[in-house]
């Protein structure tokens, strides 16, 4: 059987490896000249930046791909656990180290926020239980197959559904359990991990801190884009074919049945097609014969981002790898700049500096700063004007926090906004995570990983189940692999 994978984002790469490991012939079609989608890098003279995701959790999902391909992970990919997950800065001078060790972290929070360590430990325990009892079940299986709902684990989770705080917002859950406003603000930030609003998204999102503080955060050797490059190398080694600079123009259906894809005005026959392209654009651009499902059009998109890539010509000893800057006035100021009542996430300034660990990412004595601000998805705003205003505000706030004139130390610069994100990655309206998870039914409203009316057509990536972010994109590929394995069990055994 022959398979076409459309797009070489992290989910497309993972899907190609899983399907090729089953013995299928796999060809990946990619519009860009490089693999990785959002998980890539940019180089500005002597500075290298991870262009997209900057936090690595759940490394087992990456390792699993090497295992099923019969390869040793260490031959392709190396990473280490980070001892301090993040550094938090508040405008009143409060500074918090988010240790990866939960006991040290609970003590740090207790000391800085005058909250009992038990309060923190109980929160982490509840986060872990919710993840293990409900999160894993709904993330690792298709929610659109009857056999999922008939399994014992799912039935047990449904019986307990009320205890997972699905009917309260994450912010209300955090306020009731954590008490201190700075601590609530800190834990509200985890809604941004899937582009959602902590004041609206359901409390079951309290599972997310477990991924970072229970399992841990990790740093790939060579930067985040090494995840994509290592999987690309693995895919090549096991026989996956890649066609770069080769956009797919259409998924070809004949009498309603899948027959292949059209690229460069040529028809290529395939038995299966897996689209890693944003599901909205998959329908709009590649499936002219099919109507775009109404739920895809109506669903709220996730947040996007404004990102500044700054080469800095001196070291700031206060900063390390991951840094978050909070301010009480960010919401009001950024809401004004973005010209809307409420940004779709709680605004912060996030600074990532990989050159602290990868010395080749910046010249000696310099640093590479990836500076991200949560932003709304594109609705035809004036991004050039807003970018200038946000830049000015961020430089002012960071200069005040660090007691330095930051502008004087920026020697090279590039930016990324929602328009550029959509142009480079085909993410509808520049949203980073497909649709938001602001609705308590959001998980069930995401597009399935298959098309029931079109046999052989599958979907992976952040715009479909189970959602956006590296771990969930990898899980979407796992679900596709499981669906194909079950559906074509006889053909694969032949």
Protein backbone atom coordinates (compact mmCIF):
# COMPACT_ATOMS: atom_id res chain seq x y z
CA UNK A 1 0.00 0.00 0.00
CA UNK A 2 1.18 3.50 -0.87
CA UNK A 3 0.72 6.47 1.48
CA UNK A 4 1.04 10.21 0.85
CA UNK A 5 1.69 12.41 3.89
CA UNK A 6 0.94 16.08 3.25
CA UNK A 7 3.25 18.25 5.33
CA UNK A 8 6.42 17.45 7.26
CA UNK A 9 5.51 19.10 10.55
CA UNK A 10 6.21 17.07 13.67
CA UNK A 11 2.97 15.08 13.27
CA UNK A 12 3.64 14.44 9.59
CA UNK A 13 7.14 13.17 10.36
CA UNK A 14 5.83 10.94 13.15
CA UNK A 15 3.02 9.59 10.93
CA UNK A 16 5.47 8.78 8.15
CA UNK A 17 7.70 6.85 10.57
CA UNK A 18 4.82 4.90 12.06
CA UNK A 19 3.31 3.97 8.69
CA UNK A 20 6.65 3.11 7.12
CA UNK A 21 7.43 0.89 10.14
CA UNK A 22 4.27 -1.07 9.25
CA UNK A 23 5.75 -1.84 5.85
CA UNK A 24 3.85 0.78 3.83
CA UNK A 25 5.43 2.85 1.05
CA UNK A 26 5.42 6.43 2.33
CA UNK A 27 6.02 9.69 0.46
CA UNK A 28 5.98 13.06 2.25
CA UNK A 29 5.04 16.17 0.25
CA UNK A 30 6.26 19.46 1.72
CA UNK A 31 5.71 23.00 0.41
CA UNK A 32 8.80 24.38 2.15
CA UNK A 33 12.41 23.46 1.44
CA UNK A 34 12.89 22.05 4.96
CA UNK A 35 11.12 19.66 7.36
CA UNK A 36 9.63 20.48 10.74
CA UNK A 37 6.80 22.96 10.14
CA UNK A 38 6.72 25.30 13.15
CA UNK A 39 9.50 23.23 14.75
CA UNK A 40 12.36 24.75 12.80
CA UNK A 41 15.08 27.35 13.34
CA UNK A 42 16.33 30.60 11.85
CA UNK A 43 19.86 31.95 11.56
CA UNK A 44 20.72 35.64 11.68
CA UNK A 45 24.43 36.02 10.96
CA UNK A 46 26.16 34.28 13.90
CA UNK A 47 22.96 33.82 15.94
CA UNK A 48 20.73 30.73 15.79
CA UNK A 49 17.18 30.69 17.17
CA UNK A 50 14.57 28.00 17.62
CA UNK A 51 11.84 29.54 15.52
CA UNK A 52 8.82 27.86 17.11
CA UNK A 53 8.10 25.69 20.18
CA UNK A 54 10.60 26.27 22.97
CA UNK A 55 9.51 23.80 25.66
CA UNK A 56 10.08 20.05 25.43
CA UNK A 57 7.95 17.71 27.55
CA UNK A 58 6.89 14.06 27.25
CA UNK A 59 10.09 12.86 25.51
CA UNK A 60 8.80 9.27 25.61
CA UNK A 61 6.61 10.02 22.61
CA UNK A 62 9.72 10.88 20.58
CA UNK A 63 11.67 7.86 21.85
CA UNK A 64 8.77 5.59 20.94
CA UNK A 65 9.24 6.45 17.27
CA UNK A 66 12.82 5.20 17.30
CA UNK A 67 11.74 2.06 19.14
CA UNK A 68 9.05 1.11 16.59
CA UNK A 69 11.53 1.79 13.79
CA UNK A 70 14.06 -0.55 15.42
CA UNK A 71 16.65 2.17 15.96
CA UNK A 72 18.60 3.40 18.98
CA UNK A 73 17.42 6.87 20.01
CA UNK A 74 20.91 7.94 21.12
CA UNK A 75 22.24 7.44 17.59
CA UNK A 76 19.98 10.28 16.45
CA UNK A 77 18.75 12.34 19.36
CA UNK A 78 20.04 13.39 22.79
CA UNK A 79 18.39 15.44 25.52
CA UNK A 80 18.73 16.19 29.22
CA UNK A 81 16.32 17.02 31.99
CA UNK A 82 16.33 20.66 33.04
CA UNK A 83 16.92 21.27 36.77
CA UNK A 84 15.02 24.56 36.80
CA UNK A 85 12.00 24.58 34.50
CA UNK A 86 11.49 28.32 34.48
CA UNK A 87 12.31 31.61 36.19
CA UNK A 88 9.45 33.97 37.08
CA UNK A 89 9.81 37.73 37.47
CA UNK A 90 7.19 40.05 38.98
CA UNK A 91 7.20 43.87 38.81
CA UNK A 92 7.47 44.18 42.61
CA UNK A 93 10.82 42.37 42.52
CA UNK A 94 9.55 38.90 43.45
CA UNK A 95 11.71 36.26 41.77
CA UNK A 96 10.79 32.57 41.71
CA UNK A 97 12.76 29.54 40.56
CA UNK A 98 10.48 26.77 39.31
CA UNK A 99 12.61 23.76 40.24
CA UNK A 100 11.94 20.47 38.45
CA UNK A 101 12.10 18.74 41.85
CA UNK A 102 8.56 19.07 43.22
CA UNK A 103 9.63 19.22 46.87
CA UNK A 104 12.07 22.05 46.20
CA UNK A 105 9.45 23.76 44.07
CA UNK A 106 6.75 23.49 46.75
CA UNK A 107 9.17 25.01 49.29
CA UNK A 108 10.08 27.81 46.85
CA UNK A 109 6.42 28.66 46.29
CA UNK A 110 5.73 28.42 50.02
CA UNK A 111 8.62 30.74 50.88
CA UNK A 112 7.86 33.33 48.19
CA UNK A 113 4.06 33.37 48.43
CA UNK A 114 3.49 32.48 52.08
CA UNK A 115 1.33 29.50 51.12
CA UNK A 116 1.55 26.12 52.83
CA UNK A 117 3.70 23.57 51.00
CA UNK A 118 0.83 21.12 51.43
CA UNK A 119 -1.41 23.36 49.32
CA UNK A 120 1.08 23.13 46.45
CA UNK A 121 1.71 19.43 46.90
CA UNK A 122 -2.03 18.70 46.95
CA UNK A 123 -2.46 20.66 43.72
CA UNK A 124 0.29 18.70 41.99
CA UNK A 125 -1.17 15.43 43.27
CA UNK A 126 -4.61 16.35 41.90
CA UNK A 127 -3.03 17.40 38.61
CA UNK A 128 -1.34 14.01 38.30
CA UNK A 129 -4.46 12.03 39.20
CA UNK A 130 -6.60 13.97 36.74
CA UNK A 131 -4.04 13.41 33.99
CA UNK A 132 -3.75 9.68 34.66
CA UNK A 133 -7.47 9.05 35.11
CA UNK A 134 -8.86 11.28 32.37
CA UNK A 135 -6.20 13.17 30.44
CA UNK A 136 -4.34 10.19 29.03
CA UNK A 137 -7.53 8.41 28.04
CA UNK A 138 -8.94 11.31 26.05
CA UNK A 139 -5.59 12.26 24.51
CA UNK A 140 -4.31 8.87 23.41
CA UNK A 141 -7.44 7.48 21.77
CA UNK A 142 -9.80 8.56 19.04
CA UNK A 143 -12.91 10.15 20.50
CA UNK A 144 -14.80 9.33 17.34
CA UNK A 145 -14.79 5.54 17.50
CA UNK A 146 -17.42 3.55 19.41
CA UNK A 147 -14.90 1.11 20.88
CA UNK A 148 -13.21 4.01 22.72
CA UNK A 149 -16.37 4.71 24.69
CA UNK A 150 -16.91 1.05 25.49
CA UNK A 151 -13.56 0.59 27.22
CA UNK A 152 -13.50 0.25 31.01
CA UNK A 153 -11.04 3.11 31.56
CA UNK A 154 -13.22 5.58 29.69
CA UNK A 155 -16.37 4.50 31.50
CA UNK A 156 -14.60 4.94 34.86
CA UNK A 157 -13.42 8.43 33.85
CA UNK A 158 -16.91 9.44 32.74
CA UNK A 159 -18.36 8.38 36.07
CA UNK A 160 -15.88 10.70 37.83
CA UNK A 161 -16.15 13.52 35.30
CA UNK A 162 -17.55 16.06 37.79
CA UNK A 163 -14.46 15.83 40.03
CA UNK A 164 -12.22 16.96 37.17
CA UNK A 165 -13.64 20.53 37.40
CA UNK A 166 -14.98 20.49 33.86
CA UNK A 167 -17.76 22.91 34.87
CA UNK A 168 -15.43 25.53 36.39
CA UNK A 169 -12.86 27.70 34.66
CA UNK A 170 -9.18 27.03 35.26
CA UNK A 171 -8.87 30.47 36.87
CA UNK A 172 -11.67 29.71 39.35
CA UNK A 173 -10.12 26.34 40.18
CA UNK A 174 -6.74 27.97 40.77
CA UNK A 175 -8.24 30.74 42.91
CA UNK A 176 -10.04 28.23 45.11
CA UNK A 177 -7.00 25.97 45.57
CA UNK A 178 -3.95 28.23 45.44
CA UNK A 179 -5.23 31.42 47.12
CA UNK A 180 -2.28 33.77 46.46
CA UNK A 181 -2.92 35.99 43.38
CA UNK A 182 0.65 35.65 42.07
CA UNK A 183 0.45 31.87 42.35
CA UNK A 184 -2.93 31.87 40.60
CA UNK A 185 -1.45 34.00 37.82
CA UNK A 186 1.47 31.60 37.49
CA UNK A 187 -0.74 28.51 37.19
CA UNK A 188 -3.19 30.29 34.89
CA UNK A 189 -0.31 30.52 32.44
CA UNK A 190 -0.64 26.82 31.65
CA UNK A 191 -3.74 27.59 29.61
CA UNK A 192 -1.36 29.12 27.07
CA UNK A 193 0.13 25.69 26.44
CA UNK A 194 -2.80 24.98 24.12
CA UNK A 195 -3.64 28.57 23.23
CA UNK A 196 -6.62 28.93 25.54
CA UNK A 197 -8.00 31.50 27.97
CA UNK A 198 -7.64 30.58 31.69
CA UNK A 199 -10.78 32.56 32.52
CA UNK A 200 -12.86 30.40 30.19
CA UNK A 201 -11.10 27.08 29.57
CA UNK A 202 -12.38 24.28 31.85
CA UNK A 203 -10.61 23.36 35.07
CA UNK A 204 -9.58 19.96 33.71
CA UNK A 205 -6.64 21.88 32.21
CA UNK A 206 -5.10 21.64 35.69
CA UNK A 207 -3.56 18.45 34.25
CA UNK A 208 -1.02 20.49 32.28
CA UNK A 209 1.26 21.42 35.23
CA UNK A 210 1.84 17.70 35.81
CA UNK A 211 3.51 17.44 32.40
CA UNK A 212 6.03 20.11 33.37
CA UNK A 213 6.46 19.64 37.12
CA UNK A 214 5.52 15.98 37.52
CA UNK A 215 7.24 14.48 34.48
CA UNK A 216 9.65 17.31 33.75
CA UNK A 217 10.95 19.59 31.02
CA UNK A 218 13.87 18.66 28.82
CA UNK A 219 16.45 20.31 26.61
CA UNK A 220 17.39 18.67 23.29
CA UNK A 221 21.05 18.82 22.36
CA UNK A 222 21.32 21.26 19.47
CA UNK A 223 18.04 23.02 20.21
CA UNK A 224 14.35 22.27 19.79
CA UNK A 225 14.61 21.92 16.03
CA UNK A 226 16.82 18.87 16.67
CA UNK A 227 13.59 16.99 17.41
CA UNK A 228 12.44 17.55 13.84
CA UNK A 229 15.83 17.00 12.21
CA UNK A 230 16.41 13.74 14.10
CA UNK A 231 12.99 12.39 13.09
CA UNK A 232 13.61 13.46 9.52
CA UNK A 233 16.91 11.55 9.54
CA UNK A 234 15.19 8.52 11.05
CA UNK A 235 12.42 8.61 8.45
CA UNK A 236 14.96 8.76 5.64
CA UNK A 237 16.94 5.86 7.08
CA UNK A 238 13.90 3.57 7.14
CA UNK A 239 12.89 4.42 3.59
CA UNK A 240 10.45 7.35 3.72
CA UNK A 241 10.61 9.47 0.56
CA UNK A 242 10.56 13.27 0.91
CA UNK A 243 9.52 15.72 -1.79
CA UNK A 244 10.38 19.28 -0.73
CA UNK A 245 9.27 22.43 -2.58
CA UNK A 246 6.34 20.30 -3.70
CA UNK A 247 2.98 21.68 -2.56
CA UNK A 248 -0.05 19.44 -2.90
CA UNK A 249 -2.78 21.09 -4.95
CA UNK A 250 -5.59 18.63 -4.38
CA UNK A 251 -6.53 15.40 -2.66
CA UNK A 252 -8.05 13.53 -5.58
CA UNK A 253 -11.39 11.80 -5.14
CA UNK A 254 -13.04 9.77 -7.89
CA UNK A 255 -16.73 9.11 -7.40
CA UNK A 256 -16.26 10.01 -3.75
CA UNK A 257 -13.38 7.56 -3.27
CA UNK A 258 -9.77 8.49 -2.53
CA UNK A 259 -7.44 7.86 -5.46
CA UNK A 260 -4.38 9.98 -4.71
CA UNK A 261 -3.06 13.54 -4.75
CA UNK A 262 -2.35 16.22 -7.35
CA UNK A 263 0.98 18.04 -7.23
CA UNK A 264 2.64 20.22 -9.86
CA UNK A 265 -0.36 19.51 -12.07
CA UNK A 266 0.33 15.77 -12.00
CA UNK A 267 -1.86 13.07 -10.46
CA UNK A 268 -0.09 10.61 -8.17
CA UNK A 269 -1.93 7.44 -7.15
CA UNK A 270 -2.03 6.58 -3.44
CA UNK A 271 -4.07 4.17 -1.35
CA UNK A 272 -3.97 6.35 1.78
CA UNK A 273 -3.50 10.07 2.36
CA UNK A 274 -2.59 11.65 5.72
CA UNK A 275 -2.95 15.42 5.90
CA UNK A 276 -0.72 17.23 8.37
CA UNK A 277 -1.93 20.52 6.88
CA UNK A 278 -4.27 22.63 9.02
CA UNK A 279 -7.64 20.91 8.66
CA UNK A 280 -9.35 24.18 7.64
CA UNK A 281 -7.00 24.67 4.70
CA UNK A 282 -7.11 20.94 3.91
CA UNK A 283 -10.81 21.29 3.15
CA UNK A 284 -10.66 24.75 1.61
CA UNK A 285 -7.67 24.16 -0.68
CA UNK A 286 -7.28 20.41 -1.17
CA UNK A 287 -10.81 18.97 -0.99
CA UNK A 288 -12.94 21.11 -3.33
CA UNK A 289 -15.41 18.25 -3.75
CA UNK A 290 -16.24 18.17 -0.05
CA UNK A 291 -18.02 20.76 2.06
CA UNK A 292 -15.96 22.15 4.94
CA UNK A 293 -17.55 20.90 8.18
CA UNK A 294 -19.46 23.73 9.86
CA UNK A 295 -17.79 23.10 13.22
CA UNK A 296 -14.37 23.87 11.69
CA UNK A 297 -15.61 27.23 10.44
CA UNK A 298 -17.46 28.15 13.63
CA UNK A 299 -14.96 27.05 16.27
CA UNK A 300 -12.88 29.72 17.97
CA UNK A 301 -9.26 29.64 16.92
CA UNK A 302 -6.47 29.36 19.46
CA UNK A 303 -4.20 32.25 20.29
CA UNK A 304 -1.22 33.16 18.17
CA UNK A 305 1.96 35.01 19.09
CA UNK A 306 4.26 37.89 18.39
CA UNK A 307 7.85 36.71 18.55
CA UNK A 308 11.00 38.82 18.53
CA UNK A 309 14.33 37.16 17.76
CA UNK A 310 17.01 39.35 19.32
CA UNK A 311 20.75 38.96 19.21
CA UNK A 312 21.99 40.53 22.48
CA UNK A 313 25.60 41.71 22.79
CA UNK A 314 26.07 41.15 26.50
CA UNK A 315 25.11 38.63 29.19
CA UNK A 316 22.41 39.21 31.76
CA UNK A 317 23.23 36.99 34.76
CA UNK A 318 19.66 37.24 36.08
CA UNK A 319 18.30 35.22 33.15
CA UNK A 320 18.70 31.59 32.19
CA UNK A 321 17.03 29.24 29.71
CA UNK A 322 13.28 29.82 30.31
CA UNK A 323 12.06 33.11 31.78
CA UNK A 324 8.56 34.50 32.33
CA UNK A 325 7.86 38.15 33.11
CA UNK A 326 4.54 38.99 34.75
CA UNK A 327 2.93 42.38 35.19
CA UNK A 328 -0.50 43.39 36.46
CA UNK A 329 -0.88 45.94 33.68
CA UNK A 330 0.03 43.67 30.76
CA UNK A 331 -3.57 42.66 30.16
CA UNK A 332 -4.86 46.23 30.03
CA UNK A 333 -1.98 47.48 27.90
CA UNK A 334 -1.90 44.59 25.43
CA UNK A 335 -5.69 44.55 25.15
CA UNK A 336 -5.44 48.19 24.13
CA UNK A 337 -2.67 47.53 21.61
CA UNK A 338 -4.47 44.54 20.13
CA UNK A 339 -7.71 46.54 20.06
CA UNK A 340 -9.93 43.97 21.75
CA UNK A 341 -11.62 43.59 25.13
CA UNK A 342 -9.81 40.46 26.16
CA UNK A 343 -6.82 38.72 24.63
CA UNK A 344 -7.46 35.01 24.30
CA UNK A 345 -4.77 34.15 26.88
CA UNK A 346 -3.28 35.78 29.96
CA UNK A 347 -0.48 37.97 28.56
CA UNK A 348 3.09 37.54 29.74
CA UNK A 349 6.51 38.13 28.23
CA UNK A 350 8.36 34.86 27.70
CA UNK A 351 12.13 34.93 27.07
CA UNK A 352 14.01 31.79 26.02
CA UNK A 353 17.84 31.80 25.80
CA UNK A 354 19.29 28.57 24.43
CA UNK A 355 22.80 30.01 24.08
CA UNK A 356 23.21 29.55 27.84
CA UNK A 357 23.39 25.81 27.06
CA UNK A 358 24.25 25.60 23.36
CA UNK A 359 27.28 27.87 23.08
CA UNK A 360 27.21 27.84 19.26
CA UNK A 361 23.78 29.55 19.24
CA UNK A 362 25.41 32.97 19.72
CA UNK A 363 28.86 34.58 19.41
CA UNK A 364 31.05 34.59 22.51
CA UNK A 365 29.80 37.13 25.05
CA UNK A 366 26.40 37.36 23.36
CA UNK A 367 23.00 35.70 23.77
CA UNK A 368 20.11 34.70 21.54
CA UNK A 369 16.76 35.87 22.90
CA UNK A 370 13.49 34.35 21.74
CA UNK A 371 10.91 36.80 23.12
CA UNK A 372 7.26 35.73 22.79
CA UNK A 373 4.07 37.57 23.69
CA UNK A 374 0.68 35.85 23.49
CA UNK A 375 -1.38 37.50 20.78
CA UNK A 376 -4.79 36.99 19.18
CA UNK A 377 -5.10 35.15 15.87
CA UNK A 378 -5.25 37.23 12.72
CA UNK A 379 -8.50 39.05 11.98
CA UNK A 380 -7.03 41.59 9.56
CA UNK A 381 -5.45 43.70 12.28
CA UNK A 382 -2.67 46.14 11.45
CA UNK A 383 0.16 43.86 12.58
CA UNK A 384 2.95 46.22 11.51
CA UNK A 385 1.61 48.96 13.74
CA UNK A 386 0.81 46.63 16.64
CA UNK A 387 4.22 44.95 16.46
CA UNK A 388 5.96 48.30 16.88
CA UNK A 389 3.79 49.17 19.90
CA UNK A 390 4.29 45.77 21.53
CA UNK A 391 8.03 45.92 20.89
CA UNK A 392 8.28 49.32 22.56
CA UNK A 393 6.24 48.15 25.55
CA UNK A 394 8.22 44.91 25.98
CA UNK A 395 11.59 46.65 25.79
CA UNK A 396 10.44 49.19 28.37
CA UNK A 397 9.19 46.51 30.77
CA UNK A 398 12.23 44.27 30.41
CA UNK A 399 14.56 47.25 30.80
CA UNK A 400 12.83 48.18 34.05
CA UNK A 401 12.92 44.61 35.35
CA UNK A 402 16.57 44.07 34.44
CA UNK A 403 17.71 47.64 35.23
CA UNK A 404 19.36 48.07 31.85
CA UNK A 405 18.57 49.89 28.61
CA UNK A 406 17.83 46.77 26.57
CA UNK A 407 17.50 48.65 23.28
CA UNK A 408 21.21 49.49 23.39
CA UNK A 409 22.12 45.80 23.41
CA UNK A 410 20.02 44.48 20.50
CA UNK A 411 22.45 43.98 17.63
CA UNK A 412 20.29 41.94 15.27
CA UNK A 413 16.56 41.30 15.03
CA UNK A 414 13.74 39.49 13.27
CA UNK A 415 10.03 39.13 14.03
CA UNK A 416 7.24 36.62 13.54
CA UNK A 417 3.54 37.53 13.62
CA UNK A 418 0.28 35.68 12.88
CA UNK A 419 0.34 36.60 9.19
CA UNK A 420 3.85 35.19 8.75
CA UNK A 421 2.93 32.11 10.80
CA UNK A 422 0.03 31.35 8.46
CA UNK A 423 2.14 31.98 5.35
CA UNK A 424 4.94 29.67 6.51
CA UNK A 425 2.91 26.89 8.12
CA UNK A 426 -0.60 27.11 6.64
CA UNK A 427 -2.02 27.53 10.16
CA UNK A 428 -5.42 29.13 9.64
CA UNK A 429 -5.37 32.77 10.80
CA UNK A 430 -1.96 32.15 12.32
CA UNK A 431 -3.37 30.28 15.33
CA UNK A 432 -0.65 28.19 16.95
CA UNK A 433 -2.80 25.34 18.22
CA UNK A 434 -5.67 25.04 15.74
CA UNK A 435 -8.87 25.65 17.68
CA UNK A 436 -8.97 26.82 21.28
CA UNK A 437 -9.95 24.66 24.25
CA UNK A 438 -12.12 27.35 25.80
CA UNK A 439 -15.26 25.22 25.51
CA UNK A 440 -15.66 22.26 27.88
CA UNK A 441 -16.66 20.20 24.84
CA UNK A 442 -13.69 21.39 22.76
CA UNK A 443 -11.97 18.00 22.85
CA UNK A 444 -15.05 16.39 21.33
CA UNK A 445 -15.53 19.11 18.72
CA UNK A 446 -12.07 18.84 17.20
CA UNK A 447 -12.00 17.19 13.82
CA UNK A 448 -11.47 13.40 13.96
CA UNK A 449 -8.21 11.84 12.77
CA UNK A 450 -10.10 10.21 9.90
CA UNK A 451 -12.86 11.02 7.41
CA UNK A 452 -15.66 8.51 7.86
CA UNK A 453 -17.17 9.20 4.43
CA UNK A 454 -13.86 8.89 2.58
CA UNK A 455 -12.00 5.66 3.22
CA UNK A 456 -8.24 6.06 3.33
CA UNK A 457 -8.23 9.77 4.30
CA UNK A 458 -6.62 10.65 7.64
CA UNK A 459 -5.65 13.80 9.55
CA UNK A 460 -2.88 14.58 12.05
CA UNK A 461 -1.34 17.65 13.64
CA UNK A 462 -2.37 20.42 15.99
CA UNK A 463 -5.62 21.35 14.25
CA UNK A 464 -7.27 17.96 14.85
CA UNK A 465 -7.67 15.61 17.82
CA UNK A 466 -6.10 15.68 20.37
CA UNK A 467 -4.75 19.23 19.85
CA UNK A 468 -1.69 21.45 19.52
CA UNK A 469 1.79 21.31 21.01
CA UNK A 470 4.55 18.77 20.39
CA UNK A 471 3.24 15.94 22.64
CA UNK A 472 -0.31 16.15 21.31
CA UNK A 473 0.84 16.34 17.69
CA UNK A 474 2.89 13.20 18.26
CA UNK A 475 -0.17 11.55 19.80
CA UNK A 476 -2.26 12.49 16.77
CA UNK A 477 0.23 10.53 14.65
CA UNK A 478 -0.02 7.61 17.06
CA UNK A 479 -3.81 7.62 16.74
CA UNK A 480 -3.56 7.67 12.94
CA UNK A 481 -1.13 4.74 13.07
CA UNK A 482 -3.50 2.77 15.31
CA UNK A 483 -6.47 3.51 13.05
CA UNK A 484 -4.60 2.37 9.94
CA UNK A 485 -3.29 -0.72 11.69
CA UNK A 486 -6.80 -1.80 12.71
CA UNK A 487 -8.49 -0.85 9.45
CA UNK A 488 -5.99 -2.58 7.17
CA UNK A 489 -4.92 -5.41 9.45
CA UNK A 490 -5.35 -8.09 6.74
CA UNK A 491 -3.49 -6.16 4.05
CA UNK A 492 -0.63 -5.38 6.43
CA UNK A 493 -0.33 -9.02 7.43
CA UNK A 494 -0.20 -10.20 3.82
